[in-house]
Amino acid sequence: TWDTPPVFDLIREKGGVEVQEMLRTFNMGIGLVVVVTAGQAETVMTDLSARGEASCLIGEVIAGSKEVSYI
């Protein structure tokens, strides 16, 4: 749900790096992550926007097998 900075496409293409390895190594441009309850997400994103910061909802934390899943 976020825009991947073009530099990551360049690294992947020129380096022949698989997408899964790009995700594992570089997180594809995700910078700071703020983890809040689902009920707080909209409020936090609105506050960040008011402060001139771009934000996007990138996922959720759920019980599982301790693996990261990119859909």
PDB file of N, CA and C in Angstrom:
ATOM      1  N   THR A   1       0.812  -1.202   0.000  1.00  0.00           N
ATOM      2  CA  THR A   1       0.000   0.000   0.000  1.00  0.00           C
ATOM      3  C   THR A   1       0.853   1.263   0.000  1.00  0.00           C
ATOM      4  N   TRP A   2       2.157   1.118  -0.125  1.00  0.00           N
ATOM      5  CA  TRP A   2       3.027   2.280  -0.145  1.00  0.00           C
ATOM      6  C   TRP A   2       3.741   2.328  -1.488  1.00  0.00           C
ATOM      7  N   ASP A   3       4.196   3.519  -1.840  1.00  0.00           N
ATOM      8  CA  ASP A   3       4.948   3.683  -3.080  1.00  0.00           C
ATOM      9  C   ASP A   3       6.396   3.300  -2.824  1.00  0.00           C
ATOM     10  N   THR A   4       6.888   2.368  -3.614  1.00  0.00           N
ATOM     11  CA  THR A   4       8.287   1.948  -3.496  1.00  0.00           C
ATOM     12  C   THR A   4       9.160   2.974  -4.206  1.00  0.00           C
ATOM     13  N   PRO A   5      10.156   3.541  -3.537  1.00  0.00           N
ATOM     14  CA  PRO A   5      11.048   4.495  -4.198  1.00  0.00           C
ATOM     15  C   PRO A   5      11.737   3.853  -5.412  1.00  0.00           C
ATOM     16  N   PRO A   6      11.876   4.605  -6.500  1.00  0.00           N
ATOM     17  CA  PRO A   6      12.440   4.067  -7.736  1.00  0.00           C
ATOM     18  C   PRO A   6      13.824   3.424  -7.580  1.00  0.00           C
ATOM     19  N   VAL A   7      14.600   3.853  -6.606  1.00  0.00           N
ATOM     20  CA  VAL A   7      15.942   3.294  -6.437  1.00  0.00           C
ATOM     21  C   VAL A   7      15.883   1.780  -6.200  1.00  0.00           C
ATOM     22  N   PHE A   8      14.801   1.298  -5.569  1.00  0.00           N
ATOM     23  CA  PHE A   8      14.697  -0.126  -5.302  1.00  0.00           C
ATOM     24  C   PHE A   8      14.435  -0.928  -6.578  1.00  0.00           C
ATOM     25  N   ASP A   9      13.694  -0.343  -7.523  1.00  0.00           N
ATOM     26  CA  ASP A   9      13.503  -1.000  -8.823  1.00  0.00           C
ATOM     27  C   ASP A   9      14.833  -1.090  -9.555  1.00  0.00           C
ATOM     28  N   LEU A  10      15.627  -0.032  -9.463  1.00  0.00           N
ATOM     29  CA  LEU A  10      16.936  -0.018 -10.104  1.00  0.00           C
ATOM     30  C   LEU A  10      17.848  -1.093  -9.518  1.00  0.00           C
ATOM     31  N   ILE A  11      17.889  -1.194  -8.201  1.00  0.00           N
ATOM     32  CA  ILE A  11      18.709  -2.216  -7.542  1.00  0.00           C
ATOM     33  C   ILE A  11      18.269  -3.606  -7.969  1.00  0.00           C
ATOM     34  N   ARG A  12      16.956  -3.831  -7.976  1.00  0.00           N
ATOM     35  CA  ARG A  12      16.427  -5.146  -8.345  1.00  0.00           C
ATOM     36  C   ARG A  12      16.770  -5.498  -9.791  1.00  0.00           C
ATOM     37  N   GLU A  13      16.558  -4.546 -10.693  1.00  0.00           N
ATOM     38  CA  GLU A  13      16.799  -4.801 -12.114  1.00  0.00           C
ATOM     39  C   GLU A  13      18.278  -4.961 -12.427  1.00  0.00           C
ATOM     40  N   LYS A  14      19.089  -4.011 -12.009  1.00  0.00           N
ATOM     41  CA  LYS A  14      20.523  -4.040 -12.333  1.00  0.00           C
ATOM     42  C   LYS A  14      21.266  -5.133 -11.577  1.00  0.00           C
ATOM     43  N   GLY A  15      20.805  -5.444 -10.367  1.00  0.00           N
ATOM     44  CA  GLY A  15      21.485  -6.459  -9.566  1.00  0.00           C
ATOM     45  C   GLY A  15      20.917  -7.850  -9.725  1.00  0.00           C
ATOM     46  N   GLY A  16      19.814  -7.965 -10.450  1.00  0.00           N
ATOM     47  CA  GLY A  16      19.193  -9.264 -10.618  1.00  0.00           C
ATOM     48  C   GLY A  16      18.725  -9.858  -9.296  1.00  0.00           C
ATOM     49  N   VAL A  17      18.233  -9.002  -8.410  1.00  0.00           N
ATOM     50  CA  VAL A  17      17.821  -9.433  -7.081  1.00  0.00           C
ATOM     51  C   VAL A  17      16.338  -9.814  -7.109  1.00  0.00           C
ATOM     52  N   GLU A  18      16.016 -10.974  -6.572  1.00  0.00           N
ATOM     53  CA  GLU A  18      14.635 -11.438  -6.519  1.00  0.00           C
ATOM     54  C   GLU A  18      13.800 -10.534  -5.603  1.00  0.00           C
ATOM     55  N   VAL A  19      12.515 -10.433  -5.902  1.00  0.00           N
ATOM     56  CA  VAL A  19      11.614  -9.571  -5.125  1.00  0.00           C
ATOM     57  C   VAL A  19      11.617  -9.964  -3.653  1.00  0.00           C
ATOM     58  N   GLN A  20      11.546 -11.255  -3.348  1.00  0.00           N
ATOM     59  CA  GLN A  20      11.525 -11.689  -1.944  1.00  0.00           C
ATOM     60  C   GLN A  20      12.790 -11.252  -1.205  1.00  0.00           C
ATOM     61  N   GLU A  21      13.928 -11.303  -1.877  1.00  0.00           N
ATOM     62  CA  GLU A  21      15.177 -10.863  -1.257  1.00  0.00           C
ATOM     63  C   GLU A  21      15.182  -9.350  -1.067  1.00  0.00           C
ATOM     64  N   MET A  22      14.611  -8.619  -2.020  1.00  0.00           N
ATOM     65  CA  MET A  22      14.501  -7.165  -1.873  1.00  0.00           C
ATOM     66  C   MET A  22      13.648  -6.826  -0.651  1.00  0.00           C
ATOM     67  N   LEU A  23      12.533  -7.527  -0.492  1.00  0.00           N
ATOM     68  CA  LEU A  23      11.659  -7.283   0.652  1.00  0.00           C
ATOM     69  C   LEU A  23      12.369  -7.597   1.958  1.00  0.00           C
ATOM     70  N   ARG A  24      13.081  -8.709   2.003  1.00  0.00           N
ATOM     71  CA  ARG A  24      13.764  -9.134   3.221  1.00  0.00           C
ATOM     72  C   ARG A  24      14.900  -8.185   3.594  1.00  0.00           C
ATOM     73  N   THR A  25      15.641  -7.744   2.602  1.00  0.00           N
ATOM     74  CA  THR A  25      16.837  -6.940   2.842  1.00  0.00           C
ATOM     75  C   THR A  25      16.536  -5.446   3.008  1.00  0.00           C
ATOM     76  N   PHE A  26      15.718  -4.907   2.150  1.00  0.00           N
ATOM     77  CA  PHE A  26      15.522  -3.461   2.108  1.00  0.00           C
ATOM     78  C   PHE A  26      14.174  -2.974   2.625  1.00  0.00           C
ATOM     79  N   ASN A  27      13.226  -3.855   2.853  1.00  0.00           N
ATOM     80  CA  ASN A  27      11.865  -3.470   3.251  1.00  0.00           C
ATOM     81  C   ASN A  27      11.204  -2.554   2.232  1.00  0.00           C
ATOM     82  N   MET A  28      11.789  -2.432   1.076  1.00  0.00           N
ATOM     83  CA  MET A  28      11.226  -1.697  -0.060  1.00  0.00           C
ATOM     84  C   MET A  28      10.785  -0.275   0.267  1.00  0.00           C
ATOM     85  N   GLY A  29      11.566   0.388   1.071  1.00  0.00           N
ATOM     86  CA  GLY A  29      11.337   1.804   1.318  1.00  0.00           C
ATOM     87  C   GLY A  29      10.500   2.135   2.525  1.00  0.00           C
ATOM     88  N   ILE A  30      10.120   1.128   3.293  1.00  0.00           N
ATOM     89  CA  ILE A  30       9.376   1.429   4.520  1.00  0.00           C
ATOM     90  C   ILE A  30      10.367   2.057   5.492  1.00  0.00           C
ATOM     91  N   GLY A  31      10.046   3.202   5.969  1.00  0.00           N
ATOM     92  CA  GLY A  31      10.923   3.886   6.919  1.00  0.00           C
ATOM     93  C   GLY A  31      10.477   3.604   8.339  1.00  0.00           C
ATOM     94  N   LEU A  32      10.057   4.619   9.012  1.00  0.00           N
ATOM     95  CA  LEU A  32       9.588   4.505  10.385  1.00  0.00           C
ATOM     96  C   LEU A  32       8.240   3.798  10.416  1.00  0.00           C
ATOM     97  N   VAL A  33       8.080   2.860  11.322  1.00  0.00           N
ATOM     98  CA  VAL A  33       6.813   2.156  11.492  1.00  0.00           C
ATOM     99  C   VAL A  33       6.253   2.498  12.867  1.00  0.00           C
ATOM    100  N   VAL A  34       4.997   2.897  12.896  1.00  0.00           N
ATOM    101  CA  VAL A  34       4.300   3.183  14.135  1.00  0.00           C
ATOM    102  C   VAL A  34       3.221   2.111  14.287  1.00  0.00           C
ATOM    103  N   VAL A  35       3.261   1.372  15.375  1.00  0.00           N
ATOM    104  CA  VAL A  35       2.277   0.319  15.617  1.00  0.00           C
ATOM    105  C   VAL A  35       1.266   0.822  16.633  1.00  0.00           C
ATOM    106  N   VAL A  36       0.005   0.857  16.211  1.00  0.00           N
ATOM    107  CA  VAL A  36      -1.082   1.313  17.080  1.00  0.00           C
ATOM    108  C   VAL A  36      -2.249   0.346  16.947  1.00  0.00           C
ATOM    109  N   THR A  37      -3.213   0.457  17.846  1.00  0.00           N
ATOM    110  CA  THR A  37      -4.406  -0.374  17.719  1.00  0.00           C
ATOM    111  C   THR A  37      -5.179   0.041  16.475  1.00  0.00           C
ATOM    112  N   ALA A  38      -5.982  -0.867  15.956  1.00  0.00           N
ATOM    113  CA  ALA A  38      -6.769  -0.575  14.753  1.00  0.00           C
ATOM    114  C   ALA A  38      -7.640   0.661  14.963  1.00  0.00           C
ATOM    115  N   GLY A  39      -8.151   0.831  16.156  1.00  0.00           N
ATOM    116  CA  GLY A  39      -8.995   1.985  16.463  1.00  0.00           C
ATOM    117  C   GLY A  39      -8.263   3.316  16.477  1.00  0.00           C
ATOM    118  N   GLN A  40      -6.945   3.285  16.604  1.00  0.00           N
ATOM    119  CA  GLN A  40      -6.151   4.511  16.642  1.00  0.00           C
ATOM    120  C   GLN A  40      -5.566   4.894  15.277  1.00  0.00           C
ATOM    121  N   ALA A  41      -5.586   3.980  14.337  1.00  0.00           N
ATOM    122  CA  ALA A  41      -4.883   4.186  13.070  1.00  0.00           C
ATOM    123  C   ALA A  41      -5.312   5.457  12.339  1.00  0.00           C
ATOM    124  N   GLU A  42      -6.603   5.657  12.172  1.00  0.00           N
ATOM    125  CA  GLU A  42      -7.076   6.832  11.438  1.00  0.00           C
ATOM    126  C   GLU A  42      -6.681   8.127  12.137  1.00  0.00           C
ATOM    127  N   THR A  43      -6.802   8.164  13.458  1.00  0.00           N
ATOM    128  CA  THR A  43      -6.441   9.359  14.227  1.00  0.00           C
ATOM    129  C   THR A  43      -4.958   9.670  14.075  1.00  0.00           C
ATOM    130  N   VAL A  44      -4.126   8.647  14.182  1.00  0.00           N
ATOM    131  CA  VAL A  44      -2.679   8.847  14.062  1.00  0.00           C
ATOM    132  C   VAL A  44      -2.322   9.324  12.658  1.00  0.00           C
ATOM    133  N   MET A  45      -2.921   8.711  11.637  1.00  0.00           N
ATOM    134  CA  MET A  45      -2.626   9.114  10.263  1.00  0.00           C
ATOM    135  C   MET A  45      -3.089  10.548   9.983  1.00  0.00           C
ATOM    136  N   THR A  46      -4.234  10.938  10.541  1.00  0.00           N
ATOM    137  CA  THR A  46      -4.724  12.305  10.389  1.00  0.00           C
ATOM    138  C   THR A  46      -3.771  13.292  11.053  1.00  0.00           C
ATOM    139  N   ASP A  47      -3.294  12.943  12.245  1.00  0.00           N
ATOM    140  CA  ASP A  47      -2.356  13.801  12.965  1.00  0.00           C
ATOM    141  C   ASP A  47      -1.045  13.938  12.187  1.00  0.00           C
ATOM    142  N   LEU A  48      -0.544  12.846  11.665  1.00  0.00           N
ATOM    143  CA  LEU A  48       0.695  12.906  10.876  1.00  0.00           C
ATOM    144  C   LEU A  48       0.515  13.789   9.649  1.00  0.00           C
ATOM    145  N   SER A  49      -0.617  13.647   8.981  1.00  0.00           N
ATOM    146  CA  SER A  49      -0.897  14.471   7.804  1.00  0.00           C
ATOM    147  C   SER A  49      -0.934  15.953   8.171  1.00  0.00           C
ATOM    148  N   ALA A  50      -1.547  16.270   9.295  1.00  0.00           N
ATOM    149  CA  ALA A  50      -1.620  17.664   9.752  1.00  0.00           C
ATOM    150  C   ALA A  50      -0.238  18.233  10.031  1.00  0.00           C
ATOM    151  N   ARG A  51       0.705  17.356  10.335  1.00  0.00           N
ATOM    152  CA  ARG A  51       2.090  17.778  10.599  1.00  0.00           C
ATOM    153  C   ARG A  51       2.960  17.746   9.340  1.00  0.00           C
ATOM    154  N   GLY A  52       2.322  17.464   8.189  1.00  0.00           N
ATOM    155  CA  GLY A  52       3.050  17.450   6.926  1.00  0.00           C
ATOM    156  C   GLY A  52       3.781  16.153   6.638  1.00  0.00           C
ATOM    157  N   GLU A  53       3.433  15.102   7.347  1.00  0.00           N
ATOM    158  CA  GLU A  53       4.094  13.808   7.156  1.00  0.00           C
ATOM    159  C   GLU A  53       3.193  12.874   6.360  1.00  0.00           C
ATOM    160  N   ALA A  54       3.759  12.208   5.380  1.00  0.00           N
ATOM    161  CA  ALA A  54       3.011  11.213   4.611  1.00  0.00           C
ATOM    162  C   ALA A  54       2.955   9.920   5.418  1.00  0.00           C
ATOM    163  N   SER A  55       1.839   9.234   5.334  1.00  0.00           N
ATOM    164  CA  SER A  55       1.718   7.957   6.022  1.00  0.00           C
ATOM    165  C   SER A  55       0.809   7.039   5.223  1.00  0.00           C
ATOM    166  N   CYS A  56       0.924   5.762   5.484  1.00  0.00           N
ATOM    167  CA  CYS A  56       0.030   4.796   4.867  1.00  0.00           C
ATOM    168  C   CYS A  56      -0.093   3.591   5.785  1.00  0.00           C
ATOM    169  N   LEU A  57      -1.210   2.938   5.705  1.00  0.00           N
ATOM    170  CA  LEU A  57      -1.454   1.733   6.482  1.00  0.00           C
ATOM    171  C   LEU A  57      -0.790   0.582   5.739  1.00  0.00           C
ATOM    172  N   ILE A  58       0.137  -0.123   6.402  1.00  0.00           N
ATOM    173  CA  ILE A  58       0.895  -1.157   5.689  1.00  0.00           C
ATOM    174  C   ILE A  58       0.571  -2.577   6.125  1.00  0.00           C
ATOM    175  N   GLY A  59      -0.239  -2.748   7.136  1.00  0.00           N
ATOM    176  CA  GLY A  59      -0.563  -4.111   7.528  1.00  0.00           C
ATOM    177  C   GLY A  59      -1.123  -4.203   8.920  1.00  0.00           C
ATOM    178  N   GLU A  60      -1.125  -5.429   9.422  1.00  0.00           N
ATOM    179  CA  GLU A  60      -1.625  -5.659  10.769  1.00  0.00           C
ATOM    180  C   GLU A  60      -0.783  -6.738  11.437  1.00  0.00           C
ATOM    181  N   VAL A  61      -0.761  -6.687  12.745  1.00  0.00           N
ATOM    182  CA  VAL A  61      -0.042  -7.678  13.531  1.00  0.00           C
ATOM    183  C   VAL A  61      -1.073  -8.699  13.991  1.00  0.00           C
ATOM    184  N   ILE A  62      -0.829  -9.959  13.642  1.00  0.00           N
ATOM    185  CA  ILE A  62      -1.748 -11.028  14.023  1.00  0.00           C
ATOM    186  C   ILE A  62      -0.960 -12.211  14.567  1.00  0.00           C
ATOM    187  N   ALA A  63      -1.624 -13.059  15.317  1.00  0.00           N
ATOM    188  CA  ALA A  63      -0.990 -14.287  15.798  1.00  0.00           C
ATOM    189  C   ALA A  63      -0.712 -15.179  14.599  1.00  0.00           C
ATOM    190  N   GLY A  64       0.410 -15.860  14.637  1.00  0.00           N
ATOM    191  CA  GLY A  64       0.734 -16.725  13.510  1.00  0.00           C
ATOM    192  C   GLY A  64       2.013 -17.494  13.738  1.00  0.00           C
ATOM    193  N   SER A  65       2.682 -17.806  12.641  1.00  0.00           N
ATOM    194  CA  SER A  65       3.870 -18.648  12.681  1.00  0.00           C
ATOM    195  C   SER A  65       5.174 -17.861  12.745  1.00  0.00           C
ATOM    196  N   LYS A  66       5.091 -16.596  13.128  1.00  0.00           N
ATOM    197  CA  LYS A  66       6.261 -15.719  13.258  1.00  0.00           C
ATOM    198  C   LYS A  66       6.971 -15.504  11.929  1.00  0.00           C
ATOM    199  N   GLU A  67       6.192 -15.359  10.869  1.00  0.00           N
ATOM    200  CA  GLU A  67       6.715 -15.074   9.542  1.00  0.00           C
ATOM    201  C   GLU A  67       6.061 -13.800   9.029  1.00  0.00           C
ATOM    202  N   VAL A  68       6.758 -13.095   8.144  1.00  0.00           N
ATOM    203  CA  VAL A  68       6.201 -11.910   7.511  1.00  0.00           C
ATOM    204  C   VAL A  68       5.584 -12.352   6.203  1.00  0.00           C
ATOM    205  N   SER A  69       4.379 -11.869   5.934  1.00  0.00           N
ATOM    206  CA  SER A  69       3.679 -12.215   4.708  1.00  0.00           C
ATOM    207  C   SER A  69       3.354 -10.949   3.943  1.00  0.00           C
ATOM    208  N   TYR A  70       3.808 -10.870   2.691  1.00  0.00           N
ATOM    209  CA  TYR A  70       3.477  -9.755   1.821  1.00  0.00           C
ATOM    210  C   TYR A  70       2.388 -10.222   0.871  1.00  0.00           C
ATOM    211  N   ILE A  71       1.262  -9.537   0.898  1.00  0.00           N
ATOM    212  CA  ILE A  71       0.143  -9.938   0.038  1.00  0.00           C
ATOM    213  C   ILE A  71       0.118  -9.079  -1.185  1.00  0.00           C
TER     214      ILE A  71
END
